[in-house]
Amino acid sequence: MKSKPTYTTISDVAEHAGVSIATVSRVLNGKIPVHADKAERVRQAIAELNFVPRSAARVLASRKTNTIGLVFSEIRGAFFPHLLKGIEAQLHEAGYELLVYSTHSDRPIKRKPIGEHNTDGLLVFTTSLEKEEIARLYKINFPLVLMHETPPDGMDIPVITVENKDGAEMLVSHLIKKHGRRRVVFLRGPKGHEDSVWRERGYREALATHNIPFDETLVSSGEFDQETAYHSMQKLIQDSVDFDAVFAGDDDAAIGVYRALKEAKRLIPNDVAVVGFDDVDFAGYISPPLTTIRAPIEEVGREAVRQLLCLLEGEQAQSLVLKRTELVIRESCGCT
């Protein structure tokens, strides 16, 4: 269901004043003369509707950049190329250029060298912008779409994400029901990353459904990163923690799990079942092939662009688009 924007658009001003959008744009721009009567009606409409011109509207007649910004946290792993592919393909079809800015995930800065001054709208990946900066952009009605992140309270900003909780619950339940695994390690993603939060909820729900108590000793850090997952698994093994399965958090982390288990001479899946999340390219080719959750990563990128284009065109956008996930069975869980 589509939700009505909570902010006033240039279309609203034009309708209220009884003029065209182009006339409103000319009044805002101030460079092309407008009949005094029409200009006064536009100014009155702006005041009555409490309209704050967004940058895209102010530059409509003369300085539209035809560029969309993409703000990432640290770009790494096999996930991001799929997301970028979807974003670039959809933008290319719409005739827009892409400007990318990345910042390290544990040091997001409040103001970026990308925003209303050099783009027509922003796609924002989780944890890459401070809440204060999101609020500032929202306040000036700058078009924003968030990916894998809930907006701050009271802000109707479109969000595109996937069914993390349901996917994780399917995955862990499969390990328990099909393969009798009861000591399942979970490797958390980066702090503050909503994908990790929802995947942990799915993990916990699967345990509760099958009457398995949650055990904090089976939870460690994976960071959606091969090296972090590798060292976490090493420590679990060194500490003699008893486990018979690992939910790695994502497919990149699963690579680190494989490496640590191989060094410890623990066989996958005979000794330890391993599962991931995302179903990136390598998942079906490592040995043994990885059981995982297929997330429509590329489609998330395409959908984020589609919703941002709606905002740019003054149309309604969906508040939340939740893409479905799918369990992909391979050999690492014990299936043949």
Protein backbone atom coordinates (compact mmCIF):
# COMPACT_ATOMS: atom_id res chain seq x y z
CA MET A 1 0.00 0.00 0.00
CA LYS A 2 1.28 3.43 -0.92
CA SER A 3 1.36 6.15 1.70
CA LYS A 4 0.70 9.83 1.15
CA PRO A 5 3.81 12.00 1.62
CA THR A 6 3.76 13.91 4.90
CA TYR A 7 5.43 16.94 3.28
CA THR A 8 4.06 19.52 0.86
CA THR A 9 5.23 19.11 -2.73
CA ILE A 10 5.67 21.61 -5.52
CA SER A 11 2.59 20.03 -7.13
CA ASP A 12 0.54 20.91 -4.02
CA VAL A 13 1.67 24.53 -4.23
CA ALA A 14 0.82 24.72 -7.93
CA GLU A 15 -2.66 23.29 -7.35
CA HIS A 16 -3.32 25.58 -4.38
CA ALA A 17 -2.23 28.67 -6.33
CA GLY A 18 -4.04 27.63 -9.50
CA VAL A 19 -0.88 27.76 -11.64
CA SER A 20 1.42 25.28 -13.36
CA ILE A 21 4.37 23.55 -11.70
CA ALA A 22 6.64 25.43 -14.13
CA THR A 23 5.29 28.74 -12.82
CA VAL A 24 6.00 27.75 -9.22
CA SER A 25 9.50 26.69 -10.28
CA ARG A 26 10.10 30.08 -11.94
CA VAL A 27 9.01 31.94 -8.82
CA LEU A 28 11.30 29.79 -6.69
CA ASN A 29 14.18 30.18 -9.13
CA GLY A 30 13.73 33.96 -9.43
CA LYS A 31 15.41 34.28 -12.82
CA ILE A 32 12.46 34.24 -15.23
CA PRO A 33 9.81 37.00 -14.83
CA VAL A 34 6.37 35.87 -13.66
CA HIS A 35 3.16 37.93 -13.82
CA ALA A 36 2.79 39.76 -10.53
CA ASP A 37 -0.65 38.29 -9.80
CA LYS A 38 0.55 34.72 -10.34
CA ALA A 39 3.74 35.31 -8.37
CA GLU A 40 1.74 36.64 -5.44
CA ARG A 41 -0.60 33.63 -5.52
CA VAL A 42 2.40 31.30 -5.50
CA ARG A 43 4.01 33.10 -2.56
CA GLN A 44 0.73 33.04 -0.66
CA ALA A 45 0.32 29.30 -1.34
CA ILE A 46 3.87 28.66 -0.13
CA ALA A 47 3.13 30.52 3.11
CA GLU A 48 -0.24 28.87 3.70
CA LEU A 49 1.06 25.35 2.99
CA ASN A 50 4.28 25.94 4.94
CA PHE A 51 6.19 24.73 1.88
CA VAL A 52 9.97 24.32 2.19
CA PRO A 53 11.39 24.08 -1.33
CA ARG A 54 13.50 20.98 -1.79
CA SER A 55 16.64 21.34 -3.87
CA ALA A 56 15.19 19.30 -6.71
CA ALA A 57 12.30 21.77 -7.00
CA ARG A 58 14.45 24.88 -6.75
CA VAL A 59 16.69 23.75 -9.57
CA LEU A 60 13.94 22.23 -11.71
CA ALA A 61 14.18 24.88 -14.44
CA SER A 62 17.92 25.47 -14.56
CA ARG A 63 20.24 23.34 -12.47
CA LYS A 64 18.88 19.78 -12.22
CA THR A 65 21.91 17.53 -11.80
CA ASN A 66 20.38 14.38 -13.29
CA THR A 67 22.48 12.56 -10.71
CA ILE A 68 21.43 10.29 -7.86
CA GLY A 69 23.67 9.87 -4.85
CA LEU A 70 24.38 6.57 -3.13
CA VAL A 71 25.75 6.65 0.42
CA PHE A 72 27.36 3.45 1.64
CA SER A 73 29.05 2.36 4.78
CA GLU A 74 32.25 0.47 4.08
CA ILE A 75 32.05 -1.31 0.71
CA ARG A 76 33.31 -4.87 1.03
CA GLY A 77 32.31 -8.47 0.46
CA ALA A 78 30.23 -10.16 -2.20
CA PHE A 79 26.94 -8.45 -1.25
CA PHE A 80 27.58 -4.95 -2.58
CA PRO A 81 28.28 -5.71 -6.27
CA HIS A 82 24.78 -7.21 -6.55
CA LEU A 83 23.16 -4.16 -4.95
CA LEU A 84 25.16 -1.78 -7.13
CA LYS A 85 24.23 -3.73 -10.24
CA GLY A 86 20.53 -3.29 -9.52
CA ILE A 87 20.89 0.41 -8.71
CA GLU A 88 22.98 1.19 -11.78
CA ALA A 89 20.72 -0.75 -14.14
CA GLN A 90 17.55 1.00 -12.95
CA LEU A 91 19.17 4.44 -12.99
CA HIS A 92 20.52 3.86 -16.49
CA GLU A 93 17.01 3.04 -17.70
CA ALA A 94 15.75 6.29 -16.16
CA GLY A 95 18.57 8.37 -17.65
CA TYR A 96 20.31 9.25 -14.37
CA GLU A 97 23.98 9.18 -13.40
CA LEU A 98 25.20 7.66 -10.12
CA LEU A 99 27.48 9.38 -7.60
CA VAL A 100 28.79 7.07 -4.86
CA TYR A 101 30.20 8.06 -1.49
CA SER A 102 31.36 5.61 1.17
CA THR A 103 32.41 6.02 4.76
CA HIS A 104 33.78 3.46 7.18
CA SER A 105 30.89 1.79 9.01
CA ASP A 106 32.17 2.59 12.51
CA ARG A 107 32.85 6.25 11.74
CA PRO A 108 29.82 7.73 9.94
CA ILE A 109 30.16 11.51 9.73
CA LYS A 110 27.31 13.95 10.07
CA ARG A 111 27.75 15.89 6.85
CA LYS A 112 28.78 14.34 3.56
CA PRO A 113 30.34 15.73 0.38
CA ILE A 114 27.24 14.39 -1.33
CA GLY A 115 23.69 15.60 -0.92
CA GLU A 116 21.32 18.37 -1.97
CA HIS A 117 24.11 20.50 -3.49
CA ASN A 118 25.19 17.95 -6.12
CA THR A 119 22.45 15.31 -6.47
CA ASP A 120 18.69 15.25 -7.04
CA GLY A 121 18.10 12.58 -4.38
CA LEU A 122 19.89 10.05 -2.20
CA LEU A 123 19.85 6.29 -1.72
CA VAL A 124 21.14 5.56 1.79
CA PHE A 125 22.45 2.17 2.91
CA THR A 126 22.13 1.24 6.56
CA THR A 127 24.47 2.86 9.15
CA SER A 128 26.08 5.16 6.57
CA LEU A 129 24.37 8.41 7.64
CA GLU A 130 23.90 9.74 11.15
CA LYS A 131 20.28 10.12 12.27
CA GLU A 132 20.84 13.87 12.54
CA GLU A 133 21.83 14.13 8.88
CA ILE A 134 18.86 12.03 7.79
CA ALA A 135 16.62 14.34 9.84
CA ARG A 136 18.18 17.44 8.29
CA LEU A 137 17.65 16.18 4.75
CA TYR A 138 14.10 15.12 5.59
CA LYS A 139 13.34 18.54 7.08
CA ILE A 140 14.28 20.30 3.83
CA ASN A 141 12.20 17.75 1.87
CA PHE A 142 15.22 16.36 0.05
CA PRO A 143 14.25 13.05 -1.62
CA LEU A 144 15.61 10.06 0.35
CA VAL A 145 15.18 6.30 0.23
CA LEU A 146 16.69 4.06 2.90
CA MET A 147 17.93 0.52 2.29
CA HIS A 148 17.93 -2.00 5.13
CA GLU A 149 17.32 0.71 7.73
CA THR A 150 14.25 2.06 9.54
CA PRO A 151 13.89 5.86 9.46
CA PRO A 152 13.97 7.89 12.68
CA ASP A 153 10.65 8.19 14.51
CA GLY A 154 8.12 10.45 12.85
CA MET A 155 9.84 10.50 9.47
CA ASP A 156 7.97 8.99 6.53
CA ILE A 157 10.98 7.95 4.46
CA PRO A 158 10.65 4.96 2.09
CA VAL A 159 12.48 1.83 3.22
CA ILE A 160 13.51 -1.14 1.06
CA THR A 161 14.66 -4.32 2.77
CA VAL A 162 14.26 -8.12 2.79
CA GLU A 163 12.54 -10.68 5.03
CA ASN A 164 15.50 -11.20 7.34
CA LYS A 165 13.59 -12.64 10.29
CA ASP A 166 11.53 -15.13 8.31
CA GLY A 167 14.57 -16.21 6.31
CA ALA A 168 16.67 -16.80 9.42
CA GLU A 169 13.84 -18.69 11.11
CA MET A 170 13.48 -20.99 8.07
CA LEU A 171 17.21 -21.61 8.03
CA VAL A 172 17.65 -22.46 11.70
CA SER A 173 14.43 -24.49 11.83
CA HIS A 174 15.74 -26.58 8.93
CA LEU A 175 18.91 -27.35 10.91
CA ILE A 176 16.85 -28.38 13.92
CA LYS A 177 13.99 -30.30 12.28
CA LYS A 178 15.78 -31.92 9.35
CA HIS A 179 19.20 -32.55 10.85
CA GLY A 180 18.62 -32.66 14.63
CA ARG A 181 21.11 -29.86 15.38
CA ARG A 182 20.51 -28.25 18.78
CA ARG A 183 23.72 -26.35 19.55
CA VAL A 184 23.57 -23.73 16.81
CA VAL A 185 26.10 -20.88 16.85
CA PHE A 186 24.93 -17.49 15.58
CA LEU A 187 27.44 -14.93 14.34
CA ARG A 188 26.06 -11.40 14.65
CA GLY A 189 26.55 -8.77 11.98
CA PRO A 190 27.88 -5.22 12.57
CA LYS A 191 26.53 -3.31 15.57
CA GLY A 192 23.44 -1.31 14.66
CA HIS A 193 22.90 -3.21 11.40
CA GLU A 194 19.19 -3.97 11.21
CA ASP A 195 19.69 -7.04 9.01
CA SER A 196 21.64 -8.62 11.86
CA VAL A 197 19.04 -7.62 14.45
CA TRP A 198 16.20 -9.23 12.48
CA ARG A 199 18.26 -12.33 11.68
CA GLU A 200 18.97 -12.81 15.37
CA ARG A 201 15.24 -12.52 16.08
CA GLY A 202 14.59 -15.25 13.53
CA TYR A 203 17.33 -17.38 15.11
CA ARG A 204 15.82 -16.95 18.57
CA GLU A 205 12.29 -17.64 17.33
CA ALA A 206 13.41 -20.90 15.72
CA LEU A 207 15.02 -22.00 18.98
CA ALA A 208 11.91 -21.11 20.98
CA THR A 209 9.60 -22.89 18.54
CA HIS A 210 11.56 -26.10 19.09
CA ASN A 211 11.91 -25.65 22.87
CA ILE A 212 15.65 -25.03 22.75
CA PRO A 213 16.84 -22.50 25.38
CA PHE A 214 18.77 -19.51 24.08
CA ASP A 215 22.44 -19.81 25.06
CA GLU A 216 24.50 -16.60 24.97
CA THR A 217 27.74 -18.64 24.78
CA LEU A 218 26.68 -19.71 21.27
CA VAL A 219 26.48 -16.12 20.01
CA SER A 220 29.57 -14.33 18.78
CA SER A 221 30.65 -11.62 16.35
CA GLY A 222 30.73 -12.24 12.62
CA GLU A 223 30.40 -8.67 11.31
CA PHE A 224 29.34 -10.05 7.90
CA ASP A 225 33.10 -10.40 7.37
CA GLN A 226 35.32 -13.39 6.61
CA GLU A 227 38.20 -12.50 8.94
CA THR A 228 36.01 -11.58 11.91
CA ALA A 229 34.00 -14.78 11.56
CA TYR A 230 37.22 -16.80 11.25
CA HIS A 231 38.64 -15.42 14.50
CA SER A 232 35.33 -15.80 16.35
CA MET A 233 35.12 -19.44 15.34
CA GLN A 234 38.73 -20.00 16.37
CA LYS A 235 37.94 -18.67 19.84
CA LEU A 236 34.80 -20.79 20.20
CA ILE A 237 36.84 -23.85 19.31
CA GLN A 238 39.71 -22.90 21.62
CA ASP A 239 37.25 -22.31 24.47
CA SER A 240 35.82 -25.81 23.91
CA VAL A 241 32.30 -24.50 23.33
CA ASP A 242 30.03 -27.37 22.36
CA PHE A 243 28.24 -26.74 19.03
CA ASP A 244 27.02 -28.82 16.11
CA ALA A 245 25.94 -26.10 13.65
CA VAL A 246 26.76 -22.51 12.69
CA PHE A 247 24.48 -19.83 11.29
CA ALA A 248 27.21 -17.54 9.97
CA GLY A 249 25.03 -14.43 9.61
CA ASP A 250 25.81 -14.06 5.91
CA ASP A 251 27.68 -15.88 3.15
CA ASP A 252 30.89 -13.84 3.49
CA ALA A 253 31.16 -14.79 7.16
CA ALA A 254 30.53 -18.42 6.21
CA ILE A 255 33.86 -18.44 4.35
CA GLY A 256 35.64 -17.58 7.60
CA VAL A 257 33.71 -20.32 9.38
CA TYR A 258 34.75 -22.87 6.76
CA ARG A 259 38.39 -21.91 7.18
CA ALA A 260 38.35 -22.16 10.99
CA LEU A 261 36.59 -25.52 10.95
CA LYS A 262 38.97 -26.90 8.34
CA GLU A 263 41.98 -25.89 10.45
CA ALA A 264 40.37 -27.58 13.46
CA LYS A 265 39.82 -30.71 11.33
CA ARG A 266 36.06 -30.56 11.82
CA LEU A 267 34.17 -31.82 8.81
CA ILE A 268 31.29 -29.94 7.19
CA PRO A 269 28.54 -31.10 7.52
CA ASN A 270 29.37 -34.36 9.32
CA ASP A 271 30.74 -32.67 12.44
CA VAL A 272 29.31 -29.17 12.03
CA ALA A 273 26.55 -27.96 9.72
CA VAL A 274 27.09 -24.45 8.31
CA VAL A 275 24.55 -22.08 6.77
CA GLY A 276 24.76 -18.52 5.46
CA PHE A 277 22.47 -15.77 4.18
CA ASP A 278 22.20 -13.87 0.83
CA ASP A 279 23.12 -16.60 -1.72
CA VAL A 280 25.90 -14.63 -3.39
CA ASP A 281 27.75 -16.00 -6.42
CA PHE A 282 30.27 -18.22 -4.65
CA ALA A 283 27.73 -19.94 -2.35
CA GLY A 284 27.01 -22.76 -4.79
CA TYR A 285 30.66 -23.33 -5.72
CA ILE A 286 32.53 -23.63 -2.43
CA SER A 287 33.06 -27.09 -0.98
CA PRO A 288 30.69 -28.22 0.29
CA PRO A 289 28.14 -25.96 -1.46
CA LEU A 290 26.55 -23.61 1.06
CA THR A 291 22.97 -23.90 2.27
CA THR A 292 21.73 -20.32 2.59
CA ILE A 293 18.87 -17.87 2.20
CA ARG A 294 18.46 -16.32 -1.22
CA ALA A 295 17.87 -12.59 -0.79
CA PRO A 296 16.88 -10.54 -3.86
CA ILE A 297 19.80 -8.13 -3.42
CA GLU A 298 19.80 -6.76 -6.96
CA GLU A 299 16.03 -6.21 -6.84
CA VAL A 300 16.41 -4.22 -3.61
CA GLY A 301 18.65 -1.82 -5.53
CA ARG A 302 16.20 -1.55 -8.42
CA GLU A 303 13.23 -1.00 -6.09
CA ALA A 304 15.08 1.68 -4.12
CA VAL A 305 15.63 3.60 -7.36
CA ARG A 306 11.99 3.17 -8.40
CA GLN A 307 10.75 4.61 -5.11
CA LEU A 308 13.22 7.51 -5.27
CA LEU A 309 12.05 8.35 -8.79
CA CYS A 310 8.50 8.51 -7.46
CA LEU A 311 9.60 11.15 -4.96
CA LEU A 312 11.49 13.09 -7.62
CA GLU A 313 8.39 13.16 -9.80
CA GLY A 314 6.21 14.37 -6.95
CA GLU A 315 4.35 11.08 -6.70
CA GLN A 316 3.52 8.93 -3.71
CA ALA A 317 6.09 6.35 -2.64
CA GLN A 318 5.64 3.19 -0.58
CA SER A 319 6.66 3.56 3.05
CA LEU A 320 8.00 0.00 3.22
CA VAL A 321 8.88 -2.54 0.55
CA LEU A 322 9.76 -5.93 2.03
CA LYS A 323 11.28 -8.35 -0.47
CA ARG A 324 10.75 -12.08 0.03
CA THR A 325 13.57 -14.49 0.81
CA GLU A 326 13.92 -18.17 -0.11
CA LEU A 327 15.64 -21.14 1.52
CA VAL A 328 18.26 -22.68 -0.77
CA ILE A 329 19.24 -26.21 0.25
CA ARG A 330 22.74 -27.44 -0.59
CA GLU A 331 25.19 -29.80 1.09
CA SER A 332 26.68 -27.77 3.96
CA CYS A 333 23.65 -28.40 6.19
CA GLY A 334 23.78 -32.16 5.69
CA CYS A 335 21.36 -32.51 2.79
CA THR A 336 22.55 -34.37 -0.31
